[in-house]
Amino acid sequence: MEFSSLVLCLLSLFVSGCVTHMLKLSECNNYDGKFSKIKYNHRLIGDMLVVIETISLRGCLTKCLYHSVCLTVNYRRDNSTCELLGVAIQVFNPVKNTTLLLAPGWHHYETDYTAKQLGRWCTANKPSCLENERCEDTCGPTRYQCSKGK
């Protein structure tokens, strides 16, 4: 076998081993939210928690899921700006003032913040948590934890 064929063969074995390993990596803490209540060309004003620049829409929505009090987001695609908000159109809060404004280029996303399962393992197995808690995937041996919902 000539040297170049041997190198090619070894490289092929290495790559296939790496790809196999990557496909077997744990998917814990992999949350996908259901941001289905979308208001195009609108921006909700009120209780802004954080502004994140240069982030994808999916990244923005994921940041909201990980944030302990985030309920909704405003996102502007043309400059990749994300605003995490602690208020929602659908949740009345007499203490927090909110205004939904017509704002071309901005889109407002609300999630199902009452979700009881957060993560693929919890969604598939639905372990029992208390009424005011939700299941969240973890990377530990127990695979999930019950924590206070938003």
N, C-alpha and C. Protein backbone atom coordinates (compact mmCIF):
# COMPACT_ATOMS: atom_id res chain seq x y z
N MET A 1 0.86 -1.17 0.00
CA MET A 1 0.00 0.00 0.00
C MET A 1 0.91 1.24 0.00
N GLU A 2 0.65 2.14 -0.86
CA GLU A 2 1.49 3.31 -0.91
C GLU A 2 1.12 4.27 0.22
N PHE A 3 2.03 5.20 0.53
CA PHE A 3 1.91 6.09 1.67
C PHE A 3 0.63 6.93 1.62
N SER A 4 0.29 7.52 0.48
CA SER A 4 -0.90 8.37 0.38
C SER A 4 -2.18 7.58 0.63
N SER A 5 -2.22 6.33 0.20
CA SER A 5 -3.39 5.49 0.44
C SER A 5 -3.51 5.17 1.92
N LEU A 6 -2.39 4.93 2.59
CA LEU A 6 -2.39 4.63 4.00
C LEU A 6 -2.88 5.85 4.80
N VAL A 7 -2.38 7.03 4.45
CA VAL A 7 -2.80 8.25 5.13
C VAL A 7 -4.29 8.49 4.92
N LEU A 8 -4.77 8.29 3.71
CA LEU A 8 -6.18 8.46 3.40
C LEU A 8 -7.04 7.48 4.20
N CYS A 9 -6.58 6.26 4.31
CA CYS A 9 -7.31 5.22 5.06
C CYS A 9 -7.38 5.59 6.54
N LEU A 10 -6.26 6.01 7.14
CA LEU A 10 -6.23 6.40 8.55
C LEU A 10 -7.11 7.63 8.81
N LEU A 11 -7.05 8.60 7.90
CA LEU A 11 -7.87 9.79 8.02
C LEU A 11 -9.35 9.44 7.97
N SER A 12 -9.71 8.53 7.09
CA SER A 12 -11.09 8.09 6.97
C SER A 12 -11.59 7.44 8.26
N LEU A 13 -10.77 6.59 8.87
CA LEU A 13 -11.14 5.94 10.13
C LEU A 13 -11.30 6.98 11.25
N PHE A 14 -10.40 7.96 11.30
CA PHE A 14 -10.45 8.99 12.32
C PHE A 14 -11.73 9.82 12.19
N VAL A 15 -12.04 10.26 10.99
CA VAL A 15 -13.22 11.09 10.76
C VAL A 15 -14.49 10.31 11.09
N SER A 16 -14.58 9.07 10.67
CA SER A 16 -15.80 8.30 10.95
C SER A 16 -15.96 8.07 12.44
N GLY A 17 -14.86 7.88 13.16
CA GLY A 17 -14.93 7.72 14.62
C GLY A 17 -15.38 9.00 15.29
N CYS A 18 -14.90 10.15 14.83
CA CYS A 18 -15.28 11.44 15.41
C CYS A 18 -16.75 11.74 15.16
N VAL A 19 -17.21 11.49 13.94
CA VAL A 19 -18.61 11.76 13.61
C VAL A 19 -19.52 10.89 14.46
N THR A 20 -19.18 9.62 14.63
CA THR A 20 -19.97 8.72 15.45
C THR A 20 -20.04 9.24 16.88
N HIS A 21 -18.92 9.71 17.41
CA HIS A 21 -18.90 10.24 18.77
C HIS A 21 -19.77 11.50 18.87
N MET A 22 -19.67 12.38 17.89
CA MET A 22 -20.46 13.61 17.94
C MET A 22 -21.95 13.32 17.92
N LEU A 23 -22.37 12.33 17.18
CA LEU A 23 -23.79 12.01 17.10
C LEU A 23 -24.32 11.39 18.38
N LYS A 24 -23.43 10.87 19.23
CA LYS A 24 -23.85 10.24 20.48
C LYS A 24 -23.79 11.18 21.67
N LEU A 25 -23.41 12.45 21.46
CA LEU A 25 -23.31 13.38 22.58
C LEU A 25 -24.68 13.61 23.20
N SER A 26 -24.68 13.85 24.51
CA SER A 26 -25.91 14.08 25.25
C SER A 26 -26.63 15.33 24.73
N GLU A 27 -27.95 15.31 24.76
CA GLU A 27 -28.74 16.46 24.34
C GLU A 27 -29.44 17.13 25.52
N CYS A 28 -28.89 16.95 26.72
CA CYS A 28 -29.53 17.58 27.87
C CYS A 28 -29.41 19.10 27.76
N ASN A 29 -30.32 19.78 28.41
CA ASN A 29 -30.41 21.25 28.37
C ASN A 29 -30.61 21.77 26.95
N ASN A 30 -31.21 21.01 26.10
CA ASN A 30 -31.50 21.43 24.74
C ASN A 30 -32.97 21.80 24.69
N TYR A 31 -33.28 23.06 24.93
CA TYR A 31 -34.66 23.51 25.02
C TYR A 31 -35.12 24.11 23.71
N ASP A 32 -36.30 23.76 23.31
CA ASP A 32 -36.94 24.40 22.17
C ASP A 32 -38.26 24.97 22.65
N GLY A 33 -38.42 26.25 22.56
CA GLY A 33 -39.64 26.88 23.01
C GLY A 33 -40.71 26.89 21.94
N LYS A 34 -41.92 27.12 22.36
CA LYS A 34 -43.03 27.24 21.43
C LYS A 34 -43.45 28.70 21.40
N PHE A 35 -42.76 29.48 20.60
CA PHE A 35 -43.06 30.90 20.47
C PHE A 35 -44.02 31.06 19.29
N SER A 36 -45.28 30.78 19.54
CA SER A 36 -46.23 30.77 18.44
C SER A 36 -47.09 32.02 18.37
N LYS A 37 -47.10 32.79 19.42
CA LYS A 37 -47.93 33.99 19.44
C LYS A 37 -47.10 35.16 18.92
N ILE A 38 -47.05 35.35 17.62
CA ILE A 38 -46.16 36.31 16.99
C ILE A 38 -46.95 37.53 16.51
N LYS A 39 -46.42 38.71 16.79
CA LYS A 39 -46.99 39.97 16.29
C LYS A 39 -45.93 40.59 15.39
N TYR A 40 -46.13 40.45 14.08
CA TYR A 40 -45.17 41.00 13.12
C TYR A 40 -45.27 42.52 13.08
N ASN A 41 -44.12 43.17 12.92
CA ASN A 41 -44.02 44.63 12.86
C ASN A 41 -44.61 45.32 14.09
N HIS A 42 -44.44 44.66 15.24
CA HIS A 42 -44.86 45.22 16.52
C HIS A 42 -43.74 45.00 17.54
N ARG A 43 -43.71 45.90 18.52
CA ARG A 43 -42.70 45.82 19.58
C ARG A 43 -43.39 46.12 20.90
N LEU A 44 -43.24 45.23 21.86
CA LEU A 44 -43.82 45.43 23.18
C LEU A 44 -42.85 46.26 24.02
N ILE A 45 -43.35 47.31 24.62
CA ILE A 45 -42.53 48.19 25.46
C ILE A 45 -42.92 47.94 26.91
N GLY A 46 -41.93 47.70 27.76
CA GLY A 46 -42.17 47.50 29.19
C GLY A 46 -41.28 46.41 29.76
N ASP A 47 -40.82 46.59 30.97
CA ASP A 47 -39.99 45.66 31.74
C ASP A 47 -38.93 44.94 30.90
N MET A 48 -38.06 45.72 30.27
CA MET A 48 -36.99 45.14 29.47
C MET A 48 -35.91 44.60 30.40
N LEU A 49 -35.61 43.32 30.25
CA LEU A 49 -34.64 42.66 31.12
C LEU A 49 -33.21 42.81 30.60
N VAL A 50 -33.03 42.61 29.29
CA VAL A 50 -31.70 42.68 28.70
C VAL A 50 -31.83 42.87 27.20
N VAL A 51 -30.84 43.55 26.61
CA VAL A 51 -30.75 43.71 25.16
C VAL A 51 -29.51 42.95 24.70
N ILE A 52 -29.67 42.10 23.70
CA ILE A 52 -28.56 41.31 23.16
C ILE A 52 -28.43 41.65 21.69
N GLU A 53 -27.24 42.03 21.28
CA GLU A 53 -27.01 42.37 19.88
C GLU A 53 -26.27 41.25 19.17
N THR A 54 -26.45 41.18 17.87
CA THR A 54 -25.81 40.20 17.00
C THR A 54 -26.09 38.78 17.47
N ILE A 55 -27.35 38.41 17.46
CA ILE A 55 -27.78 37.07 17.87
C ILE A 55 -28.89 36.62 16.91
N SER A 56 -28.95 35.34 16.65
CA SER A 56 -30.00 34.81 15.77
C SER A 56 -31.34 34.80 16.51
N LEU A 57 -32.41 34.68 15.75
CA LEU A 57 -33.74 34.60 16.37
C LEU A 57 -33.81 33.39 17.29
N ARG A 58 -33.34 32.26 16.83
CA ARG A 58 -33.38 31.05 17.67
C ARG A 58 -32.57 31.26 18.95
N GLY A 59 -31.40 31.89 18.83
CA GLY A 59 -30.58 32.18 20.00
C GLY A 59 -31.30 33.10 20.97
N CYS A 60 -32.00 34.07 20.44
CA CYS A 60 -32.77 35.02 21.25
C CYS A 60 -33.87 34.29 22.02
N LEU A 61 -34.62 33.45 21.32
CA LEU A 61 -35.71 32.72 21.96
C LEU A 61 -35.17 31.76 23.02
N THR A 62 -34.03 31.14 22.74
CA THR A 62 -33.41 30.23 23.71
C THR A 62 -32.96 31.00 24.95
N LYS A 63 -32.38 32.19 24.77
CA LYS A 63 -31.97 33.01 25.91
C LYS A 63 -33.17 33.31 26.81
N CYS A 64 -34.32 33.54 26.21
CA CYS A 64 -35.52 33.80 27.00
C CYS A 64 -35.89 32.57 27.82
N LEU A 65 -35.80 31.40 27.24
CA LEU A 65 -36.13 30.18 27.97
C LEU A 65 -35.22 29.97 29.17
N TYR A 66 -33.93 30.29 29.01
CA TYR A 66 -32.97 30.11 30.10
C TYR A 66 -33.09 31.20 31.17
N HIS A 67 -33.64 32.35 30.83
CA HIS A 67 -33.76 33.45 31.78
C HIS A 67 -34.91 33.17 32.74
N SER A 68 -34.69 33.41 34.00
CA SER A 68 -35.68 33.01 35.01
C SER A 68 -37.00 33.77 34.96
N VAL A 69 -37.01 35.02 34.46
CA VAL A 69 -38.26 35.78 34.45
C VAL A 69 -38.69 36.25 33.06
N CYS A 70 -38.00 35.83 32.02
CA CYS A 70 -38.36 36.24 30.67
C CYS A 70 -39.66 35.58 30.23
N LEU A 71 -40.58 36.40 29.72
CA LEU A 71 -41.86 35.89 29.22
C LEU A 71 -41.97 36.03 27.71
N THR A 72 -41.38 37.10 27.15
CA THR A 72 -41.53 37.38 25.73
C THR A 72 -40.25 38.03 25.20
N VAL A 73 -40.16 38.13 23.87
CA VAL A 73 -39.02 38.82 23.26
C VAL A 73 -39.49 39.70 22.11
N ASN A 74 -38.71 40.75 21.88
CA ASN A 74 -38.80 41.55 20.67
C ASN A 74 -37.55 41.22 19.87
N TYR A 75 -37.69 41.05 18.55
CA TYR A 75 -36.52 40.73 17.74
C TYR A 75 -36.56 41.54 16.45
N ARG A 76 -35.41 42.12 16.11
CA ARG A 76 -35.26 42.88 14.86
C ARG A 76 -34.24 42.16 14.00
N ARG A 77 -34.70 41.55 12.92
CA ARG A 77 -33.86 40.71 12.09
C ARG A 77 -32.77 41.48 11.34
N ASP A 78 -33.06 42.70 10.87
CA ASP A 78 -32.09 43.40 10.02
C ASP A 78 -30.79 43.77 10.75
N ASN A 79 -30.84 43.90 12.08
CA ASN A 79 -29.59 44.14 12.82
C ASN A 79 -29.38 43.11 13.94
N SER A 80 -30.16 42.04 13.92
CA SER A 80 -30.02 40.91 14.86
C SER A 80 -30.06 41.35 16.32
N THR A 81 -31.01 42.22 16.65
CA THR A 81 -31.15 42.71 18.02
C THR A 81 -32.29 41.97 18.72
N CYS A 82 -32.00 41.56 19.94
CA CYS A 82 -32.94 40.79 20.75
C CYS A 82 -33.20 41.54 22.06
N GLU A 83 -34.46 41.67 22.42
CA GLU A 83 -34.84 42.26 23.70
C GLU A 83 -35.63 41.22 24.49
N LEU A 84 -35.13 40.86 25.66
CA LEU A 84 -35.84 39.94 26.55
C LEU A 84 -36.72 40.77 27.47
N LEU A 85 -37.98 40.36 27.60
CA LEU A 85 -38.95 41.12 28.39
C LEU A 85 -39.55 40.28 29.51
N GLY A 86 -39.83 40.93 30.60
CA GLY A 86 -40.47 40.27 31.74
C GLY A 86 -41.97 40.50 31.78
N VAL A 87 -42.53 40.91 30.65
CA VAL A 87 -43.97 41.15 30.55
C VAL A 87 -44.50 40.42 29.31
N ALA A 88 -45.79 40.25 29.29
CA ALA A 88 -46.44 39.59 28.15
C ALA A 88 -47.78 40.26 27.88
N ILE A 89 -48.21 40.23 26.65
CA ILE A 89 -49.50 40.80 26.27
C ILE A 89 -50.62 40.03 26.96
N GLN A 90 -50.46 38.72 27.07
CA GLN A 90 -51.53 37.87 27.57
C GLN A 90 -51.61 37.77 29.09
N VAL A 91 -50.63 38.35 29.78
CA VAL A 91 -50.63 38.28 31.24
C VAL A 91 -50.82 39.68 31.80
N PHE A 92 -51.95 39.92 32.44
CA PHE A 92 -52.21 41.24 33.02
C PHE A 92 -51.42 41.37 34.30
N ASN A 93 -50.69 42.46 34.41
CA ASN A 93 -49.94 42.76 35.62
C ASN A 93 -50.15 44.25 35.92
N PRO A 94 -50.93 44.57 36.96
CA PRO A 94 -51.25 45.97 37.24
C PRO A 94 -50.02 46.80 37.63
N VAL A 95 -48.95 46.15 38.05
CA VAL A 95 -47.75 46.86 38.48
C VAL A 95 -46.86 47.25 37.30
N LYS A 96 -46.90 46.47 36.23
CA LYS A 96 -46.02 46.71 35.08
C LYS A 96 -46.82 47.27 33.91
N ASN A 97 -46.42 48.42 33.44
CA ASN A 97 -47.08 49.04 32.29
C ASN A 97 -46.49 48.49 31.00
N THR A 98 -47.33 48.13 30.06
CA THR A 98 -46.88 47.64 28.77
C THR A 98 -47.64 48.34 27.66
N THR A 99 -46.97 48.51 26.54
CA THR A 99 -47.58 49.10 25.35
C THR A 99 -47.09 48.34 24.14
N LEU A 100 -48.02 47.88 23.31
CA LEU A 100 -47.66 47.22 22.05
C LEU A 100 -47.72 48.27 20.95
N LEU A 101 -46.55 48.58 20.38
CA LEU A 101 -46.44 49.62 19.36
C LEU A 101 -46.25 49.05 17.97
N LEU A 102 -46.80 49.72 16.99
CA LEU A 102 -46.49 49.39 15.60
C LEU A 102 -45.05 49.83 15.36
N ALA A 103 -44.18 48.87 14.96
CA ALA A 103 -42.75 49.16 14.80
C ALA A 103 -42.21 48.33 13.64
N PRO A 104 -42.21 48.88 12.43
CA PRO A 104 -41.73 48.13 11.26
C PRO A 104 -40.32 47.57 11.48
N GLY A 105 -40.16 46.29 11.15
CA GLY A 105 -38.88 45.62 11.31
C GLY A 105 -38.75 44.84 12.60
N TRP A 106 -39.53 45.20 13.62
CA TRP A 106 -39.53 44.47 14.89
C TRP A 106 -40.64 43.43 14.87
N HIS A 107 -40.40 42.32 15.53
CA HIS A 107 -41.43 41.28 15.70
C HIS A 107 -41.45 40.89 17.16
N HIS A 108 -42.66 40.72 17.69
CA HIS A 108 -42.83 40.35 19.10
C HIS A 108 -43.25 38.89 19.19
N TYR A 109 -42.57 38.12 20.05
CA TYR A 109 -42.81 36.69 20.21
C TYR A 109 -43.19 36.38 21.65
N GLU A 110 -44.28 35.64 21.83
CA GLU A 110 -44.68 35.17 23.15
C GLU A 110 -44.63 33.65 23.15
N THR A 111 -44.22 33.11 24.27
CA THR A 111 -44.10 31.66 24.40
C THR A 111 -45.20 31.11 25.29
N ASP A 112 -45.25 29.80 25.33
CA ASP A 112 -46.13 29.13 26.28
C ASP A 112 -45.36 29.05 27.59
N TYR A 113 -45.41 30.13 28.36
CA TYR A 113 -44.63 30.20 29.59
C TYR A 113 -45.25 29.37 30.71
N THR A 114 -46.37 28.72 30.44
CA THR A 114 -46.97 27.82 31.42
C THR A 114 -46.57 26.36 31.15
N ALA A 115 -45.64 26.15 30.23
CA ALA A 115 -45.22 24.78 29.88
C ALA A 115 -44.72 24.04 31.12
N LYS A 116 -45.14 22.81 31.26
CA LYS A 116 -44.74 22.02 32.42
C LYS A 116 -43.51 21.15 32.15
N GLN A 117 -43.16 20.94 30.90
CA GLN A 117 -41.97 20.18 30.54
C GLN A 117 -41.08 21.04 29.68
N LEU A 118 -39.81 21.17 30.06
CA LEU A 118 -38.86 21.97 29.31
C LEU A 118 -37.66 21.09 28.99
N GLY A 119 -37.52 20.72 27.74
CA GLY A 119 -36.42 19.85 27.32
C GLY A 119 -36.95 18.54 26.76
N ARG A 120 -36.12 17.88 25.98
CA ARG A 120 -36.55 16.66 25.30
C ARG A 120 -36.82 15.50 26.24
N TRP A 121 -35.99 15.31 27.27
CA TRP A 121 -36.21 14.19 28.19
C TRP A 121 -37.51 14.38 28.95
N CYS A 122 -37.72 15.57 29.49
CA CYS A 122 -38.96 15.84 30.24
C CYS A 122 -40.19 15.70 29.37
N THR A 123 -40.11 16.19 28.15
CA THR A 123 -41.25 16.09 27.24
C THR A 123 -41.60 14.64 26.94
N ALA A 124 -40.59 13.81 26.77
CA ALA A 124 -40.81 12.40 26.45
C ALA A 124 -41.28 11.59 27.66
N ASN A 125 -40.80 11.90 28.86
CA ASN A 125 -41.07 11.07 30.04
C ASN A 125 -42.10 11.64 31.01
N LYS A 126 -42.34 12.93 30.95
CA LYS A 126 -43.34 13.61 31.79
C LYS A 126 -43.32 13.16 33.26
N PRO A 127 -42.19 13.34 33.96
CA PRO A 127 -42.16 12.98 35.38
C PRO A 127 -43.07 13.90 36.18
N SER A 128 -43.46 13.46 37.35
CA SER A 128 -44.39 14.26 38.14
C SER A 128 -43.65 15.31 38.96
N CYS A 129 -44.04 16.55 38.74
CA CYS A 129 -43.56 17.67 39.53
C CYS A 129 -44.79 18.28 40.20
N LEU A 130 -44.59 19.11 41.19
CA LEU A 130 -45.71 19.75 41.86
C LEU A 130 -46.45 20.69 40.90
N GLU A 131 -47.63 21.09 41.26
CA GLU A 131 -48.47 21.93 40.41
C GLU A 131 -47.78 23.22 39.97
N ASN A 132 -47.04 23.86 40.88
CA ASN A 132 -46.39 25.13 40.57
C ASN A 132 -44.94 24.97 40.11
N GLU A 133 -44.55 23.76 39.72
CA GLU A 133 -43.19 23.48 39.24
C GLU A 133 -43.23 22.99 37.80
N ARG A 134 -42.06 23.04 37.17
CA ARG A 134 -41.95 22.47 35.84
C ARG A 134 -40.70 21.59 35.80
N CYS A 135 -40.74 20.61 34.91
CA CYS A 135 -39.62 19.69 34.72
C CYS A 135 -38.62 20.33 33.76
N GLU A 136 -37.34 20.34 34.14
CA GLU A 136 -36.27 20.84 33.28
C GLU A 136 -35.20 19.78 33.13
N ASP A 137 -34.80 19.51 31.89
CA ASP A 137 -33.71 18.55 31.65
C ASP A 137 -32.44 19.02 32.34
N THR A 138 -31.67 18.07 32.84
CA THR A 138 -30.34 18.37 33.39
C THR A 138 -29.35 17.39 32.80
N CYS A 139 -28.08 17.65 33.02
CA CYS A 139 -27.03 16.76 32.51
C CYS A 139 -26.61 15.75 33.57
N GLY A 140 -27.23 15.77 34.73
CA GLY A 140 -26.83 14.89 35.84
C GLY A 140 -27.45 13.50 35.73
N PRO A 141 -27.15 12.66 36.71
CA PRO A 141 -27.64 11.28 36.68
C PRO A 141 -29.16 11.17 36.81
N THR A 142 -29.82 12.19 37.40
CA THR A 142 -31.28 12.11 37.55
C THR A 142 -32.02 12.51 36.28
N ARG A 143 -31.32 13.12 35.30
CA ARG A 143 -31.85 13.52 34.00
C ARG A 143 -32.80 14.72 34.02
N TYR A 144 -33.37 15.08 35.19
CA TYR A 144 -34.29 16.20 35.24
C TYR A 144 -34.30 16.79 36.65
N GLN A 145 -34.87 17.98 36.75
CA GLN A 145 -35.13 18.58 38.05
C GLN A 145 -36.49 19.28 37.99
N CYS A 146 -37.15 19.35 39.10
CA CYS A 146 -38.39 20.10 39.20
C CYS A 146 -38.04 21.45 39.79
N SER A 147 -38.43 22.52 39.12
CA SER A 147 -38.13 23.86 39.61
C SER A 147 -39.37 24.73 39.49
N LYS A 148 -39.37 25.81 40.22
CA LYS A 148 -40.51 26.74 40.18
C LYS A 148 -40.64 27.29 38.77
N GLY A 149 -41.82 27.26 38.22
CA GLY A 149 -42.06 27.80 36.88
C GLY A 149 -42.02 29.30 36.89
N LYS A 150 -42.12 29.87 35.70
CA LYS A 150 -42.10 31.34 35.57
C LYS A 150 -43.38 31.93 36.07
